[in-house]
């Protein structure tokens, strides 16, 4: 006869194994960076606190943070892993980083979009440009012609001319 504590332990272990197998984007049956899954969302204030503590700056052409105004730079509903990815980039590069685009309206749509919290835009600098092009793997042009580079963790950096458009599928090894 199985005692209740042993049965509970067995059921807990089974639940953990099944969770690991079937978790979207994570488990054996998941699709990795190509499959969206539940993420932790940040408020604008939470994100700016993280960025400030890491020495990351941000700017807005409209001098505002309203998510529904395309001239603002908002971090409302930014994925935690995207904020952590920016922090990882800052610590890995040692470069000054300035975010110029967040989750505000006005960017292209799609699952892995700015609006859905997966993307940040960074101002270009010699330091950042040299790091991305010298460290990450060139994977060819995007449909719009932007040159793309993939980090070791699978995040994508697209050179959009005057800024880097970064898609964070994960925190970049945080």
N, C-alpha and C. Protein backbone atom coordinates (compact mmCIF):
# COMPACT_ATOMS: atom_id res chain seq x y z
N UNK A 1 0.83 -1.18 0.00
CA UNK A 1 0.00 0.00 0.00
C UNK A 1 0.88 1.25 0.00
N UNK A 2 0.55 2.22 -0.82
CA UNK A 2 1.30 3.47 -0.91
C UNK A 2 0.74 4.45 0.11
N UNK A 3 1.64 5.03 0.89
CA UNK A 3 1.18 6.01 1.88
C UNK A 3 0.92 7.34 1.20
N UNK A 4 0.13 8.19 1.84
CA UNK A 4 -0.23 9.48 1.25
C UNK A 4 0.98 10.35 0.93
N UNK A 5 1.98 10.50 1.83
CA UNK A 5 3.14 11.33 1.48
C UNK A 5 3.88 10.81 0.25
N UNK A 6 4.00 9.49 0.11
CA UNK A 6 4.69 8.91 -1.04
C UNK A 6 3.87 9.13 -2.32
N UNK A 7 2.54 9.00 -2.21
CA UNK A 7 1.68 9.22 -3.36
C UNK A 7 1.76 10.68 -3.80
N UNK A 8 1.72 11.59 -2.83
CA UNK A 8 1.82 13.01 -3.13
C UNK A 8 3.15 13.31 -3.81
N UNK A 9 4.24 12.73 -3.32
CA UNK A 9 5.56 12.93 -3.91
C UNK A 9 5.60 12.39 -5.33
N UNK A 10 5.01 11.23 -5.53
CA UNK A 10 4.99 10.64 -6.87
C UNK A 10 4.18 11.50 -7.84
N UNK A 11 3.04 12.01 -7.38
CA UNK A 11 2.21 12.87 -8.24
C UNK A 11 2.92 14.19 -8.54
N UNK A 12 3.61 14.75 -7.57
CA UNK A 12 4.37 15.98 -7.78
C UNK A 12 5.47 15.75 -8.80
N UNK A 13 6.19 14.64 -8.66
CA UNK A 13 7.26 14.33 -9.61
C UNK A 13 6.70 14.14 -11.02
N UNK A 14 5.57 13.47 -11.13
CA UNK A 14 4.94 13.27 -12.43
C UNK A 14 4.54 14.61 -13.05
N UNK A 15 3.98 15.49 -12.24
CA UNK A 15 3.58 16.81 -12.74
C UNK A 15 4.79 17.59 -13.24
N UNK A 16 5.91 17.51 -12.52
CA UNK A 16 7.12 18.21 -12.95
C UNK A 16 7.66 17.65 -14.26
N UNK A 17 7.66 16.34 -14.39
CA UNK A 17 8.15 15.71 -15.62
C UNK A 17 7.25 16.09 -16.80
N UNK A 18 5.93 16.00 -16.61
CA UNK A 18 5.02 16.36 -17.69
C UNK A 18 5.15 17.83 -18.05
N UNK A 19 5.34 18.68 -17.05
CA UNK A 19 5.54 20.11 -17.32
C UNK A 19 6.79 20.34 -18.14
N UNK A 20 7.87 19.61 -17.85
CA UNK A 20 9.11 19.77 -18.60
C UNK A 20 8.97 19.28 -20.03
N UNK A 21 8.16 18.24 -20.22
CA UNK A 21 7.99 17.69 -21.56
C UNK A 21 7.09 18.57 -22.42
N UNK A 22 6.01 19.07 -21.85
CA UNK A 22 5.01 19.76 -22.64
C UNK A 22 5.02 21.28 -22.53
N UNK A 23 5.90 21.87 -21.73
CA UNK A 23 5.93 23.33 -21.57
C UNK A 23 6.23 23.99 -22.91
N UNK A 24 5.38 24.93 -23.36
CA UNK A 24 5.60 25.58 -24.66
C UNK A 24 6.94 26.30 -24.71
N UNK A 25 7.70 26.02 -25.77
CA UNK A 25 8.95 26.72 -25.99
C UNK A 25 10.08 26.27 -25.09
N UNK A 26 9.81 25.31 -24.18
CA UNK A 26 10.82 24.92 -23.22
C UNK A 26 11.08 23.42 -23.27
N UNK A 27 10.03 22.63 -23.21
CA UNK A 27 10.16 21.18 -23.07
C UNK A 27 10.59 20.49 -24.35
N UNK A 28 10.66 19.18 -24.23
CA UNK A 28 11.08 18.33 -25.33
C UNK A 28 10.21 18.54 -26.56
N UNK A 29 8.91 18.77 -26.35
CA UNK A 29 8.01 18.96 -27.47
C UNK A 29 7.87 20.42 -27.87
N UNK A 30 8.53 21.32 -27.15
CA UNK A 30 8.44 22.76 -27.44
C UNK A 30 9.25 23.12 -28.67
N UNK A 31 8.98 24.30 -29.19
CA UNK A 31 9.65 24.75 -30.40
C UNK A 31 10.76 25.74 -30.14
N UNK A 32 11.22 25.89 -28.90
CA UNK A 32 12.31 26.81 -28.61
C UNK A 32 11.94 28.24 -28.90
N UNK A 33 12.85 28.97 -29.55
CA UNK A 33 12.68 30.40 -29.78
C UNK A 33 11.62 30.71 -30.83
N UNK A 34 11.06 29.71 -31.44
CA UNK A 34 10.07 29.99 -32.48
C UNK A 34 8.64 29.90 -31.97
N UNK A 35 8.48 29.58 -30.68
CA UNK A 35 7.13 29.40 -30.15
C UNK A 35 6.90 30.32 -28.97
N UNK A 36 5.89 31.15 -29.04
CA UNK A 36 5.58 32.07 -27.94
C UNK A 36 5.04 31.29 -26.75
N UNK A 37 5.36 31.77 -25.57
CA UNK A 37 4.81 31.17 -24.36
C UNK A 37 4.60 32.25 -23.32
N UNK A 38 3.98 31.90 -22.22
CA UNK A 38 3.64 32.88 -21.19
C UNK A 38 4.90 33.57 -20.69
N UNK A 39 4.82 34.88 -20.54
CA UNK A 39 5.96 35.66 -20.09
C UNK A 39 5.53 36.61 -18.99
N UNK A 40 6.49 37.07 -18.21
CA UNK A 40 6.24 38.06 -17.17
C UNK A 40 6.33 39.44 -17.80
N UNK A 41 5.29 40.24 -17.59
CA UNK A 41 5.23 41.61 -18.13
C UNK A 41 5.62 42.62 -17.07
N UNK A 42 6.30 43.68 -17.49
CA UNK A 42 6.71 44.75 -16.60
C UNK A 42 5.90 46.01 -16.84
N UNK A 43 5.82 46.84 -15.82
CA UNK A 43 5.27 48.18 -16.01
C UNK A 43 6.41 49.06 -16.51
N UNK A 44 6.07 50.24 -16.99
CA UNK A 44 7.09 51.19 -17.44
C UNK A 44 8.05 51.50 -16.29
N UNK A 45 7.51 51.70 -15.12
CA UNK A 45 8.33 52.04 -13.95
C UNK A 45 9.28 50.89 -13.57
N UNK A 46 8.80 49.67 -13.61
CA UNK A 46 9.66 48.53 -13.29
C UNK A 46 10.81 48.42 -14.28
N UNK A 47 10.51 48.61 -15.56
CA UNK A 47 11.54 48.50 -16.59
C UNK A 47 12.57 49.62 -16.45
N UNK A 48 12.11 50.87 -16.26
CA UNK A 48 13.05 51.98 -16.15
C UNK A 48 13.93 51.83 -14.92
N UNK A 49 13.39 51.26 -13.86
CA UNK A 49 14.19 51.01 -12.66
C UNK A 49 15.32 50.03 -12.96
N UNK A 50 14.99 48.98 -13.70
CA UNK A 50 16.01 47.99 -14.10
C UNK A 50 17.07 48.65 -14.97
N UNK A 51 16.62 49.42 -15.96
CA UNK A 51 17.56 50.05 -16.88
C UNK A 51 18.47 51.03 -16.15
N UNK A 52 17.89 51.85 -15.29
CA UNK A 52 18.68 52.83 -14.54
C UNK A 52 19.74 52.15 -13.69
N UNK A 53 19.36 51.05 -13.04
CA UNK A 53 20.30 50.35 -12.17
C UNK A 53 21.46 49.72 -12.95
N UNK A 54 21.27 49.51 -14.25
CA UNK A 54 22.32 48.93 -15.09
C UNK A 54 23.07 49.97 -15.90
N UNK A 55 22.67 51.22 -15.78
CA UNK A 55 23.35 52.28 -16.55
C UNK A 55 22.87 52.39 -17.98
N UNK A 56 21.69 51.87 -18.26
CA UNK A 56 21.09 51.96 -19.60
C UNK A 56 20.19 53.19 -19.62
N UNK A 57 20.35 54.01 -20.65
CA UNK A 57 19.51 55.20 -20.78
C UNK A 57 18.47 54.97 -21.86
N UNK A 58 17.52 55.89 -21.97
CA UNK A 58 16.49 55.81 -23.00
C UNK A 58 16.10 57.23 -23.40
N UNK A 59 15.56 57.35 -24.59
CA UNK A 59 15.11 58.65 -25.06
C UNK A 59 13.83 58.48 -25.84
N UNK A 60 13.11 59.58 -25.99
CA UNK A 60 11.84 59.58 -26.70
C UNK A 60 11.77 60.84 -27.55
N UNK A 61 11.46 60.68 -28.83
CA UNK A 61 11.36 61.87 -29.69
C UNK A 61 10.25 62.80 -29.22
N UNK A 62 9.25 62.25 -28.56
CA UNK A 62 8.15 63.06 -28.05
C UNK A 62 8.30 63.46 -26.59
N UNK A 63 9.38 62.99 -25.94
CA UNK A 63 9.60 63.31 -24.54
C UNK A 63 8.53 62.73 -23.63
N UNK A 64 8.04 61.51 -23.94
CA UNK A 64 6.92 60.95 -23.20
C UNK A 64 7.05 59.43 -23.12
N UNK A 65 6.13 58.81 -22.37
CA UNK A 65 6.17 57.35 -22.22
C UNK A 65 4.81 56.70 -22.44
N UNK A 66 3.91 57.39 -23.14
CA UNK A 66 2.57 56.87 -23.41
C UNK A 66 2.64 55.76 -24.45
N UNK A 67 2.26 54.56 -24.07
CA UNK A 67 2.31 53.38 -24.95
C UNK A 67 1.48 53.56 -26.22
N UNK A 68 0.44 54.38 -26.16
CA UNK A 68 -0.45 54.57 -27.31
C UNK A 68 -0.06 55.74 -28.21
N UNK A 69 1.08 56.35 -27.94
CA UNK A 69 1.57 57.47 -28.74
C UNK A 69 2.87 57.05 -29.44
N UNK A 70 2.90 57.01 -30.77
CA UNK A 70 4.08 56.51 -31.47
C UNK A 70 5.33 57.38 -31.33
N UNK A 71 5.20 58.62 -30.84
CA UNK A 71 6.40 59.45 -30.65
C UNK A 71 6.99 59.28 -29.25
N UNK A 72 6.34 58.48 -28.42
CA UNK A 72 6.84 58.20 -27.07
C UNK A 72 7.71 56.95 -27.08
N UNK A 73 8.47 56.76 -26.01
CA UNK A 73 9.18 55.49 -25.79
C UNK A 73 8.61 54.92 -24.49
N UNK A 74 7.88 53.83 -24.63
CA UNK A 74 7.22 53.20 -23.49
C UNK A 74 7.80 51.81 -23.26
N UNK A 75 7.81 51.41 -22.00
CA UNK A 75 8.21 50.05 -21.63
C UNK A 75 7.06 49.32 -20.95
N UNK A 76 5.88 49.90 -20.98
CA UNK A 76 4.71 49.25 -20.40
C UNK A 76 4.43 47.96 -21.16
N UNK A 77 4.31 46.85 -20.44
CA UNK A 77 4.07 45.51 -21.00
C UNK A 77 5.31 44.91 -21.66
N UNK A 78 6.50 45.44 -21.35
CA UNK A 78 7.75 44.84 -21.82
C UNK A 78 7.94 43.51 -21.12
N UNK A 79 8.41 42.51 -21.84
CA UNK A 79 8.69 41.21 -21.24
C UNK A 79 9.89 41.35 -20.30
N UNK A 80 9.82 40.70 -19.16
CA UNK A 80 10.94 40.70 -18.23
C UNK A 80 12.21 40.22 -18.93
N UNK A 81 12.10 39.18 -19.74
CA UNK A 81 13.28 38.64 -20.42
C UNK A 81 13.89 39.65 -21.39
N UNK A 82 13.08 40.55 -21.95
CA UNK A 82 13.62 41.59 -22.84
C UNK A 82 14.42 42.61 -22.03
N UNK A 83 13.90 43.01 -20.88
CA UNK A 83 14.62 43.94 -20.01
C UNK A 83 15.92 43.29 -19.53
N UNK A 84 15.84 42.03 -19.14
CA UNK A 84 17.04 41.31 -18.70
C UNK A 84 18.03 41.16 -19.85
N UNK A 85 17.52 40.96 -21.06
CA UNK A 85 18.39 40.86 -22.23
C UNK A 85 19.16 42.15 -22.46
N UNK A 86 18.50 43.29 -22.28
CA UNK A 86 19.19 44.58 -22.41
C UNK A 86 20.26 44.71 -21.33
N UNK A 87 19.93 44.29 -20.12
CA UNK A 87 20.90 44.34 -19.03
C UNK A 87 22.10 43.42 -19.31
N UNK A 88 21.83 42.25 -19.86
CA UNK A 88 22.90 41.33 -20.23
C UNK A 88 23.78 41.95 -21.31
N UNK A 89 23.15 42.57 -22.32
CA UNK A 89 23.90 43.23 -23.39
C UNK A 89 24.80 44.31 -22.81
N UNK A 90 24.28 45.12 -21.92
CA UNK A 90 25.06 46.19 -21.30
C UNK A 90 26.28 45.63 -20.57
N UNK A 91 26.08 44.59 -19.76
CA UNK A 91 27.20 44.04 -19.00
C UNK A 91 28.20 43.31 -19.90
N UNK A 92 27.72 42.68 -20.96
CA UNK A 92 28.62 41.95 -21.86
C UNK A 92 29.47 42.88 -22.72
N UNK A 93 28.87 44.00 -23.14
CA UNK A 93 29.57 44.89 -24.07
C UNK A 93 30.38 45.97 -23.36
N UNK A 94 29.89 46.42 -22.22
CA UNK A 94 30.52 47.56 -21.57
C UNK A 94 30.25 48.86 -22.30
N UNK A 95 29.41 48.81 -23.33
CA UNK A 95 29.08 49.98 -24.14
C UNK A 95 28.01 50.83 -23.45
N UNK A 96 28.00 52.11 -23.78
CA UNK A 96 26.88 52.95 -23.38
C UNK A 96 25.70 52.50 -24.24
N UNK A 97 24.57 52.22 -23.61
CA UNK A 97 23.37 51.78 -24.34
C UNK A 97 22.26 52.80 -24.13
N UNK A 98 21.63 53.19 -25.24
CA UNK A 98 20.48 54.09 -25.17
C UNK A 98 19.34 53.46 -25.96
N UNK A 99 18.23 53.22 -25.27
CA UNK A 99 17.05 52.64 -25.90
C UNK A 99 16.25 53.77 -26.54
N UNK A 100 15.87 53.55 -27.79
CA UNK A 100 15.09 54.56 -28.53
C UNK A 100 13.70 54.08 -28.89
N UNK A 101 13.40 52.82 -28.64
CA UNK A 101 12.08 52.28 -28.94
C UNK A 101 11.76 51.13 -28.02
N UNK A 102 10.51 51.11 -27.57
CA UNK A 102 10.07 50.05 -26.66
C UNK A 102 8.77 49.45 -27.14
N UNK A 103 7.76 49.48 -26.28
CA UNK A 103 6.49 48.81 -26.56
C UNK A 103 5.42 49.74 -27.11
N UNK A 104 5.79 50.94 -27.45
CA UNK A 104 4.80 51.90 -27.96
C UNK A 104 4.28 51.49 -29.33
N UNK A 105 3.09 51.98 -29.65
CA UNK A 105 2.48 51.72 -30.94
C UNK A 105 3.31 52.36 -32.06
N UNK A 106 3.12 51.87 -33.27
CA UNK A 106 3.82 52.47 -34.40
C UNK A 106 4.87 51.57 -35.02
N UNK A 107 5.20 50.47 -34.36
CA UNK A 107 6.16 49.51 -34.90
C UNK A 107 5.41 48.43 -35.66
N UNK A 108 6.15 47.62 -36.41
CA UNK A 108 5.54 46.50 -37.13
C UNK A 108 4.90 45.53 -36.14
N UNK A 109 3.84 44.86 -36.56
CA UNK A 109 3.13 43.91 -35.71
C UNK A 109 3.75 42.53 -35.75
N UNK A 110 3.02 41.57 -35.23
CA UNK A 110 3.47 40.18 -35.21
C UNK A 110 3.63 39.68 -33.79
N UNK A 111 3.80 38.38 -33.67
CA UNK A 111 3.94 37.76 -32.36
C UNK A 111 5.13 38.32 -31.60
N UNK A 112 6.29 38.34 -32.24
CA UNK A 112 7.53 38.81 -31.59
C UNK A 112 7.75 40.27 -31.94
N UNK A 113 6.85 41.11 -31.50
CA UNK A 113 6.85 42.53 -31.88
C UNK A 113 7.20 43.41 -30.67
N UNK A 114 7.40 44.70 -30.99
CA UNK A 114 7.59 45.70 -29.93
C UNK A 114 6.36 45.70 -29.02
N UNK A 115 5.17 45.79 -29.63
CA UNK A 115 3.92 45.90 -28.87
C UNK A 115 3.76 44.74 -27.89
N UNK A 116 4.17 43.53 -28.30
CA UNK A 116 4.03 42.35 -27.45
C UNK A 116 5.19 42.18 -26.46
N UNK A 117 6.12 43.14 -26.45
CA UNK A 117 7.17 43.15 -25.44
C UNK A 117 8.44 42.41 -25.76
N UNK A 118 8.58 41.94 -26.99
CA UNK A 118 9.76 41.15 -27.37
C UNK A 118 10.90 41.98 -27.95
N UNK A 119 10.65 43.25 -28.31
CA UNK A 119 11.67 44.02 -29.01
C UNK A 119 12.01 45.32 -28.32
N UNK A 120 13.27 45.70 -28.47
CA UNK A 120 13.76 47.01 -28.07
C UNK A 120 14.63 47.54 -29.19
N UNK A 121 14.62 48.86 -29.38
CA UNK A 121 15.51 49.52 -30.33
C UNK A 121 16.62 50.21 -29.55
N UNK A 122 17.86 50.07 -30.03
CA UNK A 122 19.01 50.70 -29.41
C UNK A 122 19.67 51.65 -30.41
N UNK A 123 20.05 52.83 -29.92
CA UNK A 123 20.80 53.77 -30.76
C UNK A 123 22.12 53.11 -31.15
N UNK A 124 22.55 53.36 -32.38
CA UNK A 124 23.82 52.79 -32.83
C UNK A 124 24.98 53.59 -32.23
N UNK A 125 26.06 52.89 -31.99
CA UNK A 125 27.32 53.49 -31.55
C UNK A 125 28.43 52.61 -32.08
N UNK A 126 29.62 53.15 -32.18
CA UNK A 126 30.75 52.36 -32.66
C UNK A 126 30.96 51.15 -31.77
N UNK A 127 30.88 51.36 -30.46
CA UNK A 127 31.08 50.27 -29.52
C UNK A 127 30.06 49.15 -29.73
N UNK A 128 28.78 49.50 -29.78
CA UNK A 128 27.73 48.50 -29.95
C UNK A 128 27.81 47.85 -31.32
N UNK A 129 28.02 48.64 -32.36
CA UNK A 129 28.13 48.09 -33.72
C UNK A 129 29.25 47.06 -33.80
N UNK A 130 30.43 47.40 -33.25
CA UNK A 130 31.56 46.48 -33.30
C UNK A 130 31.30 45.21 -32.51
N UNK A 131 30.61 45.35 -31.38
CA UNK A 131 30.31 44.17 -30.57
C UNK A 131 29.35 43.23 -31.31
N UNK A 132 28.26 43.77 -31.82
CA UNK A 132 27.26 42.93 -32.50
C UNK A 132 27.87 42.26 -33.73
N UNK A 133 28.52 43.04 -34.59
CA UNK A 133 29.03 42.46 -35.83
C UNK A 133 30.26 41.58 -35.62
N UNK A 134 30.99 41.80 -34.53
CA UNK A 134 32.19 41.02 -34.26
C UNK A 134 31.97 39.80 -33.38
N UNK A 135 30.84 39.76 -32.68
CA UNK A 135 30.59 38.69 -31.72
C UNK A 135 29.49 37.74 -32.18
N UNK A 136 28.46 38.29 -32.81
CA UNK A 136 27.30 37.48 -33.19
C UNK A 136 27.44 36.98 -34.63
N UNK A 137 26.64 36.00 -34.97
CA UNK A 137 26.69 35.35 -36.28
C UNK A 137 25.77 36.06 -37.27
N UNK A 138 26.34 36.45 -38.40
CA UNK A 138 25.53 37.06 -39.46
C UNK A 138 24.64 35.98 -40.06
N UNK A 139 23.33 36.24 -40.15
CA UNK A 139 22.40 35.22 -40.66
C UNK A 139 21.67 35.68 -41.92
N UNK A 140 22.10 36.79 -42.49
CA UNK A 140 21.49 37.25 -43.74
C UNK A 140 20.52 38.39 -43.53
N UNK A 141 20.03 38.91 -44.63
CA UNK A 141 19.10 40.05 -44.54
C UNK A 141 17.69 39.61 -44.19
N UNK A 142 17.01 40.48 -43.48
CA UNK A 142 15.59 40.31 -43.20
C UNK A 142 14.83 40.65 -44.46
N UNK A 143 13.54 40.39 -44.50
CA UNK A 143 12.72 40.68 -45.68
C UNK A 143 12.81 42.12 -46.15
N UNK A 144 13.04 43.06 -45.21
CA UNK A 144 13.15 44.47 -45.57
C UNK A 144 14.58 44.88 -45.88
N UNK A 145 15.50 43.92 -45.90
CA UNK A 145 16.89 44.20 -46.23
C UNK A 145 17.80 44.45 -45.04
N UNK A 146 17.25 44.57 -43.83
CA UNK A 146 18.07 44.81 -42.64
C UNK A 146 18.99 43.62 -42.39
N UNK A 147 20.28 43.90 -42.20
CA UNK A 147 21.24 42.84 -41.91
C UNK A 147 20.97 42.30 -40.50
N UNK A 148 20.94 40.96 -40.37
CA UNK A 148 20.60 40.33 -39.10
C UNK A 148 21.77 39.53 -38.53
N UNK A 149 21.88 39.59 -37.21
CA UNK A 149 22.90 38.85 -36.48
C UNK A 149 22.22 38.10 -35.34
N UNK A 150 22.63 36.85 -35.12
CA UNK A 150 22.05 36.04 -34.04
C UNK A 150 23.08 35.87 -32.94
N UNK A 151 22.66 36.18 -31.71
CA UNK A 151 23.53 35.99 -30.55
C UNK A 151 23.61 34.50 -30.24
N UNK A 152 24.54 34.13 -29.39
CA UNK A 152 24.69 32.74 -28.98
C UNK A 152 23.45 32.19 -28.30
N UNK A 153 22.65 33.06 -27.69
CA UNK A 153 21.43 32.62 -27.01
C UNK A 153 20.22 32.60 -27.93
N UNK A 154 20.40 33.07 -29.18
CA UNK A 154 19.31 33.02 -30.15
C UNK A 154 18.56 34.32 -30.37
N UNK A 155 18.91 35.38 -29.67
CA UNK A 155 18.27 36.68 -29.89
C UNK A 155 18.77 37.26 -31.21
N UNK A 156 17.91 38.04 -31.86
CA UNK A 156 18.22 38.56 -33.20
C UNK A 156 18.42 40.08 -33.16
N UNK A 157 19.52 40.53 -33.73
CA UNK A 157 19.87 41.94 -33.83
C UNK A 157 19.79 42.34 -35.30
N UNK A 158 18.90 43.26 -35.63
CA UNK A 158 18.74 43.70 -37.02
C UNK A 158 19.19 45.14 -37.14
N UNK A 159 20.07 45.40 -38.10
CA UNK A 159 20.59 46.74 -38.36
C UNK A 159 19.60 47.49 -39.23
N UNK A 160 18.85 48.39 -38.62
CA UNK A 160 17.83 49.14 -39.36
C UNK A 160 18.32 50.52 -39.79
N UNK A 161 19.62 50.66 -39.96
CA UNK A 161 20.18 51.91 -40.45
C UNK A 161 20.63 52.82 -39.32
N UNK A 162 19.69 53.46 -38.64
CA UNK A 162 20.07 54.38 -37.57
C UNK A 162 19.93 53.78 -36.17
N UNK A 163 19.51 52.52 -36.07
CA UNK A 163 19.39 51.85 -34.78
C UNK A 163 19.41 50.33 -34.95
N UNK A 164 19.62 49.65 -33.84
CA UNK A 164 19.53 48.19 -33.80
C UNK A 164 18.15 47.81 -33.28
N UNK A 165 17.45 46.97 -34.03
CA UNK A 165 16.15 46.43 -33.65
C UNK A 165 16.44 45.02 -33.10
N UNK A 166 16.22 44.83 -31.80
CA UNK A 166 16.60 43.58 -31.16
C UNK A 166 15.36 42.80 -30.73
N UNK A 167 15.29 41.54 -31.14
CA UNK A 167 14.22 40.65 -30.74
C UNK A 167 14.76 39.72 -29.67
N UNK A 168 14.16 39.83 -28.47
CA UNK A 168 14.59 39.01 -27.33
C UNK A 168 13.65 37.83 -27.16
N UNK A 169 14.17 36.64 -27.47
CA UNK A 169 13.43 35.41 -27.22
C UNK A 169 13.71 34.93 -25.80
N UNK A 170 14.81 35.42 -25.22
CA UNK A 170 15.22 35.06 -23.86
C UNK A 170 16.11 36.17 -23.30
N UNK A 171 16.58 35.99 -22.09
CA UNK A 171 17.33 37.05 -21.42
C UNK A 171 18.79 37.13 -21.84
N UNK A 172 19.21 36.27 -22.74
CA UNK A 172 20.58 36.34 -23.23
C UNK A 172 21.62 35.77 -22.28
N UNK A 173 21.20 34.88 -21.40
CA UNK A 173 22.14 34.24 -20.48
C UNK A 173 22.24 34.92 -19.14
N UNK A 174 21.20 35.63 -18.75
CA UNK A 174 21.21 36.35 -17.46
C UNK A 174 21.30 35.38 -16.30
